[in-house]
Amino acid sequence: MPDSSEANITTADALTLLLYNQHAICAAIEEVTSWLSGNGVGSVAANAMVAMETLDTNAQGITDAIMRLRQL
């Protein structure tokens, strides 16, 4: 069985990849939001902005967890 520090590193690495995916999803939503706004679908764009805010909030939580794991 791996020791605690090895498990923490593995977990932090996996979370880092998930965080990268989250950033990519946010960028894609931002592109779609821009297109929606430019094509007169402001209400849908506003909903997409709320989704991006949630992604940003959660990204910060994931980042904090990664940093704690890497310090152990």
PDB file of N, CA and C in Angstrom:
ATOM      1  N   MET A   1       0.838  -1.175   0.000  1.00  0.00           N
ATOM      2  CA  MET A   1       0.000   0.000   0.000  1.00  0.00           C
ATOM      3  C   MET A   1       0.886   1.242   0.000  1.00  0.00           C
ATOM      4  N   PRO A   2       0.549   2.245  -0.860  1.00  0.00           N
ATOM      5  CA  PRO A   2       1.380   3.436  -0.919  1.00  0.00           C
ATOM      6  C   PRO A   2       1.316   4.214   0.389  1.00  0.00           C
ATOM      7  N   ASP A   3       2.419   4.928   0.699  1.00  0.00           N
ATOM      8  CA  ASP A   3       2.400   5.721   1.920  1.00  0.00           C
ATOM      9  C   ASP A   3       1.530   6.961   1.709  1.00  0.00           C
ATOM     10  N   SER A   4       1.275   7.660   2.797  1.00  0.00           N
ATOM     11  CA  SER A   4       0.358   8.796   2.773  1.00  0.00           C
ATOM     12  C   SER A   4       0.827   9.894   1.819  1.00  0.00           C
ATOM     13  N   SER A   5       2.119  10.202   1.824  1.00  0.00           N
ATOM     14  CA  SER A   5       2.595  11.280   0.957  1.00  0.00           C
ATOM     15  C   SER A   5       2.457  10.911  -0.520  1.00  0.00           C
ATOM     16  N   GLU A   6       2.703   9.652  -0.849  1.00  0.00           N
ATOM     17  CA  GLU A   6       2.528   9.212  -2.246  1.00  0.00           C
ATOM     18  C   GLU A   6       1.059   9.297  -2.651  1.00  0.00           C
ATOM     19  N   ALA A   7       0.180   8.907  -1.754  1.00  0.00           N
ATOM     20  CA  ALA A   7      -1.257   8.994  -2.041  1.00  0.00           C
ATOM     21  C   ALA A   7      -1.678  10.449  -2.191  1.00  0.00           C
ATOM     22  N   ASN A   8      -1.124  11.334  -1.366  1.00  0.00           N
ATOM     23  CA  ASN A   8      -1.457  12.757  -1.474  1.00  0.00           C
ATOM     24  C   ASN A   8      -0.996  13.332  -2.806  1.00  0.00           C
ATOM     25  N   ILE A   9       0.188  12.947  -3.239  1.00  0.00           N
ATOM     26  CA  ILE A   9       0.707  13.434  -4.517  1.00  0.00           C
ATOM     27  C   ILE A   9      -0.169  12.943  -5.662  1.00  0.00           C
ATOM     28  N   THR A  10      -0.544  11.676  -5.623  1.00  0.00           N
ATOM     29  CA  THR A  10      -1.401  11.104  -6.665  1.00  0.00           C
ATOM     30  C   THR A  10      -2.752  11.813  -6.692  1.00  0.00           C
ATOM     31  N   THR A  11      -3.310  12.051  -5.516  1.00  0.00           N
ATOM     32  CA  THR A  11      -4.591  12.751  -5.428  1.00  0.00           C
ATOM     33  C   THR A  11      -4.468  14.173  -5.947  1.00  0.00           C
ATOM     34  N   ALA A  12      -3.410  14.853  -5.546  1.00  0.00           N
ATOM     35  CA  ALA A  12      -3.195  16.227  -6.008  1.00  0.00           C
ATOM     36  C   ALA A  12      -3.012  16.269  -7.519  1.00  0.00           C
ATOM     37  N   ASP A  13      -2.288  15.309  -8.080  1.00  0.00           N
ATOM     38  CA  ASP A  13      -2.106  15.251  -9.532  1.00  0.00           C
ATOM     39  C   ASP A  13      -3.439  15.056 -10.247  1.00  0.00           C
ATOM     40  N   ALA A  14      -4.268  14.163  -9.720  1.00  0.00           N
ATOM     41  CA  ALA A  14      -5.583  13.919 -10.323  1.00  0.00           C
ATOM     42  C   ALA A  14      -6.461  15.166 -10.225  1.00  0.00           C
ATOM     43  N   LEU A  15      -6.440  15.825  -9.081  1.00  0.00           N
ATOM     44  CA  LEU A  15      -7.222  17.052  -8.919  1.00  0.00           C
ATOM     45  C   LEU A  15      -6.718  18.150  -9.852  1.00  0.00           C
ATOM     46  N   THR A  16      -5.423  18.195 -10.077  1.00  0.00           N
ATOM     47  CA  THR A  16      -4.858  19.189 -10.983  1.00  0.00           C
ATOM     48  C   THR A  16      -5.395  18.980 -12.400  1.00  0.00           C
ATOM     49  N   LEU A  17      -5.453  17.731 -12.828  1.00  0.00           N
ATOM     50  CA  LEU A  17      -6.011  17.443 -14.154  1.00  0.00           C
ATOM     51  C   LEU A  17      -7.481  17.836 -14.235  1.00  0.00           C
ATOM     52  N   LEU A  18      -8.232  17.555 -13.177  1.00  0.00           N
ATOM     53  CA  LEU A  18      -9.640  17.959 -13.151  1.00  0.00           C
ATOM     54  C   LEU A  18      -9.763  19.482 -13.183  1.00  0.00           C
ATOM     55  N   LEU A  19      -8.873  20.160 -12.492  1.00  0.00           N
ATOM     56  CA  LEU A  19      -8.881  21.625 -12.504  1.00  0.00           C
ATOM     57  C   LEU A  19      -8.598  22.150 -13.909  1.00  0.00           C
ATOM     58  N   TYR A  20      -7.637  21.545 -14.612  1.00  0.00           N
ATOM     59  CA  TYR A  20      -7.364  21.945 -15.991  1.00  0.00           C
ATOM     60  C   TYR A  20      -8.602  21.746 -16.865  1.00  0.00           C
ATOM     61  N   ASN A  21      -9.299  20.630 -16.663  1.00  0.00           N
ATOM     62  CA  ASN A  21     -10.533  20.390 -17.416  1.00  0.00           C
ATOM     63  C   ASN A  21     -11.570  21.459 -17.095  1.00  0.00           C
ATOM     64  N   GLN A  22     -11.657  21.830 -15.831  1.00  0.00           N
ATOM     65  CA  GLN A  22     -12.622  22.836 -15.421  1.00  0.00           C
ATOM     66  C   GLN A  22     -12.306  24.173 -16.086  1.00  0.00           C
ATOM     67  N   HIS A  23     -11.032  24.522 -16.166  1.00  0.00           N
ATOM     68  CA  HIS A  23     -10.644  25.763 -16.843  1.00  0.00           C
ATOM     69  C   HIS A  23     -11.013  25.715 -18.327  1.00  0.00           C
ATOM     70  N   ALA A  24     -10.818  24.569 -18.950  1.00  0.00           N
ATOM     71  CA  ALA A  24     -11.166  24.417 -20.362  1.00  0.00           C
ATOM     72  C   ALA A  24     -12.671  24.555 -20.581  1.00  0.00           C
ATOM     73  N   ILE A  25     -13.448  23.958 -19.702  1.00  0.00           N
ATOM     74  CA  ILE A  25     -14.913  24.066 -19.799  1.00  0.00           C
ATOM     75  C   ILE A  25     -15.338  25.518 -19.637  1.00  0.00           C
ATOM     76  N   CYS A  26     -14.736  26.204 -18.686  1.00  0.00           N
ATOM     77  CA  CYS A  26     -15.063  27.609 -18.459  1.00  0.00           C
ATOM     78  C   CYS A  26     -14.734  28.444 -19.700  1.00  0.00           C
ATOM     79  N   ALA A  27     -13.595  28.179 -20.312  1.00  0.00           N
ATOM     80  CA  ALA A  27     -13.221  28.917 -21.521  1.00  0.00           C
ATOM     81  C   ALA A  27     -14.216  28.664 -22.651  1.00  0.00           C
ATOM     82  N   ALA A  28     -14.659  27.432 -22.778  1.00  0.00           N
ATOM     83  CA  ALA A  28     -15.646  27.103 -23.814  1.00  0.00           C
ATOM     84  C   ALA A  28     -16.969  27.814 -23.545  1.00  0.00           C
ATOM     85  N   ILE A  29     -17.401  27.822 -22.300  1.00  0.00           N
ATOM     86  CA  ILE A  29     -18.650  28.511 -21.953  1.00  0.00           C
ATOM     87  C   ILE A  29     -18.510  30.008 -22.217  1.00  0.00           C
ATOM     88  N   GLU A  30     -17.333  30.540 -21.936  1.00  0.00           N
ATOM     89  CA  GLU A  30     -17.102  31.962 -22.185  1.00  0.00           C
ATOM     90  C   GLU A  30     -17.225  32.285 -23.674  1.00  0.00           C
ATOM     91  N   GLU A  31     -16.696  31.416 -24.519  1.00  0.00           N
ATOM     92  CA  GLU A  31     -16.814  31.622 -25.974  1.00  0.00           C
ATOM     93  C   GLU A  31     -18.278  31.569 -26.415  1.00  0.00           C
ATOM     94  N   VAL A  32     -19.012  30.598 -25.909  1.00  0.00           N
ATOM     95  CA  VAL A  32     -20.428  30.468 -26.268  1.00  0.00           C
ATOM     96  C   VAL A  32     -21.212  31.668 -25.748  1.00  0.00           C
ATOM     97  N   THR A  33     -20.889  32.111 -24.541  1.00  0.00           N
ATOM     98  CA  THR A  33     -21.558  33.277 -23.958  1.00  0.00           C
ATOM     99  C   THR A  33     -21.338  34.518 -24.813  1.00  0.00           C
ATOM    100  N   SER A  34     -20.118  34.692 -25.269  1.00  0.00           N
ATOM    101  CA  SER A  34     -19.806  35.834 -26.132  1.00  0.00           C
ATOM    102  C   SER A  34     -20.620  35.769 -27.423  1.00  0.00           C
ATOM    103  N   TRP A  35     -20.689  34.599 -28.007  1.00  0.00           N
ATOM    104  CA  TRP A  35     -21.468  34.426 -29.235  1.00  0.00           C
ATOM    105  C   TRP A  35     -22.952  34.709 -28.982  1.00  0.00           C
ATOM    106  N   LEU A  36     -23.472  34.178 -27.861  1.00  0.00           N
ATOM    107  CA  LEU A  36     -24.881  34.396 -27.535  1.00  0.00           C
ATOM    108  C   LEU A  36     -25.185  35.879 -27.352  1.00  0.00           C
ATOM    109  N   SER A  37     -24.315  36.560 -26.634  1.00  0.00           N
ATOM    110  CA  SER A  37     -24.512  37.989 -26.408  1.00  0.00           C
ATOM    111  C   SER A  37     -24.502  38.754 -27.725  1.00  0.00           C
ATOM    112  N   GLY A  38     -23.596  38.385 -28.607  1.00  0.00           N
ATOM    113  CA  GLY A  38     -23.486  39.056 -29.899  1.00  0.00           C
ATOM    114  C   GLY A  38     -24.636  38.762 -30.842  1.00  0.00           C
ATOM    115  N   ASN A  39     -25.392  37.717 -30.540  1.00  0.00           N
ATOM    116  CA  ASN A  39     -26.510  37.332 -31.411  1.00  0.00           C
ATOM    117  C   ASN A  39     -27.865  37.538 -30.752  1.00  0.00           C
ATOM    118  N   GLY A  40     -27.904  38.415 -29.765  1.00  0.00           N
ATOM    119  CA  GLY A  40     -29.169  38.832 -29.181  1.00  0.00           C
ATOM    120  C   GLY A  40     -29.837  37.841 -28.250  1.00  0.00           C
ATOM    121  N   VAL A  41     -29.090  36.930 -27.684  1.00  0.00           N
ATOM    122  CA  VAL A  41     -29.673  35.955 -26.758  1.00  0.00           C
ATOM    123  C   VAL A  41     -29.101  36.231 -25.357  1.00  0.00           C
ATOM    124  N   GLY A  42     -29.341  37.453 -24.905  1.00  0.00           N
ATOM    125  CA  GLY A  42     -28.758  37.915 -23.653  1.00  0.00           C
ATOM    126  C   GLY A  42     -29.169  37.123 -22.433  1.00  0.00           C
ATOM    127  N   SER A  43     -30.418  36.655 -22.387  1.00  0.00           N
ATOM    128  CA  SER A  43     -30.867  35.920 -21.200  1.00  0.00           C
ATOM    129  C   SER A  43     -30.133  34.588 -21.061  1.00  0.00           C
ATOM    130  N   VAL A  44     -29.887  33.936 -22.167  1.00  0.00           N
ATOM    131  CA  VAL A  44     -29.135  32.679 -22.135  1.00  0.00           C
ATOM    132  C   VAL A  44     -27.685  32.965 -21.772  1.00  0.00           C
ATOM    133  N   ALA A  45     -27.145  34.043 -22.305  1.00  0.00           N
ATOM    134  CA  ALA A  45     -25.775  34.429 -21.974  1.00  0.00           C
ATOM    135  C   ALA A  45     -25.646  34.715 -20.488  1.00  0.00           C
ATOM    136  N   ALA A  46     -26.642  35.342 -19.901  1.00  0.00           N
ATOM    137  CA  ALA A  46     -26.611  35.631 -18.465  1.00  0.00           C
ATOM    138  C   ALA A  46     -26.587  34.338 -17.654  1.00  0.00           C
ATOM    139  N   ASN A  47     -27.353  33.351 -18.074  1.00  0.00           N
ATOM    140  CA  ASN A  47     -27.340  32.049 -17.388  1.00  0.00           C
ATOM    141  C   ASN A  47     -25.965  31.390 -17.503  1.00  0.00           C
ATOM    142  N   ALA A  48     -25.347  31.515 -18.657  1.00  0.00           N
ATOM    143  CA  ALA A  48     -24.016  30.955 -18.849  1.00  0.00           C
ATOM    144  C   ALA A  48     -23.005  31.653 -17.946  1.00  0.00           C
ATOM    145  N   MET A  49     -23.171  32.954 -17.743  1.00  0.00           N
ATOM    146  CA  MET A  49     -22.271  33.693 -16.846  1.00  0.00           C
ATOM    147  C   MET A  49     -22.382  33.172 -15.421  1.00  0.00           C
ATOM    148  N   VAL A  50     -23.586  32.832 -14.993  1.00  0.00           N
ATOM    149  CA  VAL A  50     -23.779  32.266 -13.658  1.00  0.00           C
ATOM    150  C   VAL A  50     -23.046  30.932 -13.547  1.00  0.00           C
ATOM    151  N   ALA A  51     -23.119  30.131 -14.591  1.00  0.00           N
ATOM    152  CA  ALA A  51     -22.412  28.845 -14.604  1.00  0.00           C
ATOM    153  C   ALA A  51     -20.906  29.062 -14.508  1.00  0.00           C
ATOM    154  N   MET A  52     -20.397  30.076 -15.207  1.00  0.00           N
ATOM    155  CA  MET A  52     -18.956  30.359 -15.149  1.00  0.00           C
ATOM    156  C   MET A  52     -18.538  30.820 -13.754  1.00  0.00           C
ATOM    157  N   GLU A  53     -19.388  31.582 -13.093  1.00  0.00           N
ATOM    158  CA  GLU A  53     -19.092  32.014 -11.724  1.00  0.00           C
ATOM    159  C   GLU A  53     -18.987  30.808 -10.793  1.00  0.00           C
ATOM    160  N   THR A  54     -19.870  29.833 -10.986  1.00  0.00           N
ATOM    161  CA  THR A  54     -19.813  28.608 -10.180  1.00  0.00           C
ATOM    162  C   THR A  54     -18.526  27.853 -10.456  1.00  0.00           C
ATOM    163  N   LEU A  55     -18.148  27.741 -11.722  1.00  0.00           N
ATOM    164  CA  LEU A  55     -16.890  27.074 -12.064  1.00  0.00           C
ATOM    165  C   LEU A  55     -15.703  27.784 -11.417  1.00  0.00           C
ATOM    166  N   ASP A  56     -15.712  29.112 -11.431  1.00  0.00           N
ATOM    167  CA  ASP A  56     -14.616  29.875 -10.821  1.00  0.00           C
ATOM    168  C   ASP A  56     -14.543  29.634  -9.315  1.00  0.00           C
ATOM    169  N   THR A  57     -15.693  29.650  -8.658  1.00  0.00           N
ATOM    170  CA  THR A  57     -15.732  29.413  -7.218  1.00  0.00           C
ATOM    171  C   THR A  57     -15.209  28.027  -6.884  1.00  0.00           C
ATOM    172  N   ASN A  58     -15.677  27.039  -7.621  1.00  0.00           N
ATOM    173  CA  ASN A  58     -15.236  25.664  -7.371  1.00  0.00           C
ATOM    174  C   ASN A  58     -13.772  25.466  -7.727  1.00  0.00           C
ATOM    175  N   ALA A  59     -13.298  26.156  -8.747  1.00  0.00           N
ATOM    176  CA  ALA A  59     -11.881  26.056  -9.118  1.00  0.00           C
ATOM    177  C   ALA A  59     -11.006  26.540  -7.974  1.00  0.00           C
ATOM    178  N   GLN A  60     -11.431  27.575  -7.294  1.00  0.00           N
ATOM    179  CA  GLN A  60     -10.653  28.070  -6.163  1.00  0.00           C
ATOM    180  C   GLN A  60     -10.611  27.035  -5.044  1.00  0.00           C
ATOM    181  N   GLY A  61     -11.727  26.383  -4.781  1.00  0.00           N
ATOM    182  CA  GLY A  61     -11.762  25.335  -3.764  1.00  0.00           C
ATOM    183  C   GLY A  61     -10.865  24.156  -4.124  1.00  0.00           C
ATOM    184  N   ILE A  62     -10.873  23.778  -5.395  1.00  0.00           N
ATOM    185  CA  ILE A  62     -10.015  22.681  -5.851  1.00  0.00           C
ATOM    186  C   ILE A  62      -8.547  23.087  -5.722  1.00  0.00           C
ATOM    187  N   THR A  63      -8.238  24.308  -6.113  1.00  0.00           N
ATOM    188  CA  THR A  63      -6.861  24.798  -5.995  1.00  0.00           C
ATOM    189  C   THR A  63      -6.394  24.766  -4.545  1.00  0.00           C
ATOM    190  N   ASP A  64      -7.245  25.217  -3.638  1.00  0.00           N
ATOM    191  CA  ASP A  64      -6.897  25.191  -2.216  1.00  0.00           C
ATOM    192  C   ASP A  64      -6.623  23.767  -1.727  1.00  0.00           C
ATOM    193  N   ALA A  65      -7.464  22.837  -2.159  1.00  0.00           N
ATOM    194  CA  ALA A  65      -7.278  21.424  -1.751  1.00  0.00           C
ATOM    195  C   ALA A  65      -5.976  20.870  -2.308  1.00  0.00           C
ATOM    196  N   ILE A  66      -5.660  21.203  -3.549  1.00  0.00           N
ATOM    197  CA  ILE A  66      -4.409  20.741  -4.157  1.00  0.00           C
ATOM    198  C   ILE A  66      -3.223  21.260  -3.356  1.00  0.00           C
ATOM    199  N   MET A  67      -3.271  22.538  -3.000  1.00  0.00           N
ATOM    200  CA  MET A  67      -2.152  23.123  -2.256  1.00  0.00           C
ATOM    201  C   MET A  67      -1.997  22.455  -0.881  1.00  0.00           C
ATOM    202  N   ARG A  68      -3.110  22.176  -0.226  1.00  0.00           N
ATOM    203  CA  ARG A  68      -3.033  21.499   1.091  1.00  0.00           C
ATOM    204  C   ARG A  68      -2.440  20.101   0.937  1.00  0.00           C
ATOM    205  N   LEU A  69      -2.871  19.373  -0.078  1.00  0.00           N
ATOM    206  CA  LEU A  69      -2.343  18.014  -0.303  1.00  0.00           C
ATOM    207  C   LEU A  69      -0.843  18.049  -0.593  1.00  0.00           C
ATOM    208  N   ARG A  70      -0.415  19.019  -1.363  1.00  0.00           N
ATOM    209  CA  ARG A  70       1.006  19.091  -1.731  1.00  0.00           C
ATOM    210  C   ARG A  70       1.881  19.505  -0.546  1.00  0.00           C
ATOM    211  N   GLN A  71       1.290  20.134   0.466  1.00  0.00           N
ATOM    212  CA  GLN A  71       2.055  20.547   1.646  1.00  0.00           C
ATOM    213  C   GLN A  71       2.205  19.434   2.669  1.00  0.00           C
ATOM    214  N   LEU A  72       1.364  18.392   2.566  1.00  0.00           N
ATOM    215  CA  LEU A  72       1.422  17.307   3.558  1.00  0.00           C
ATOM    216  C   LEU A  72       2.623  16.426   3.353  1.00  0.00           C
TER     217      LEU A  72
END
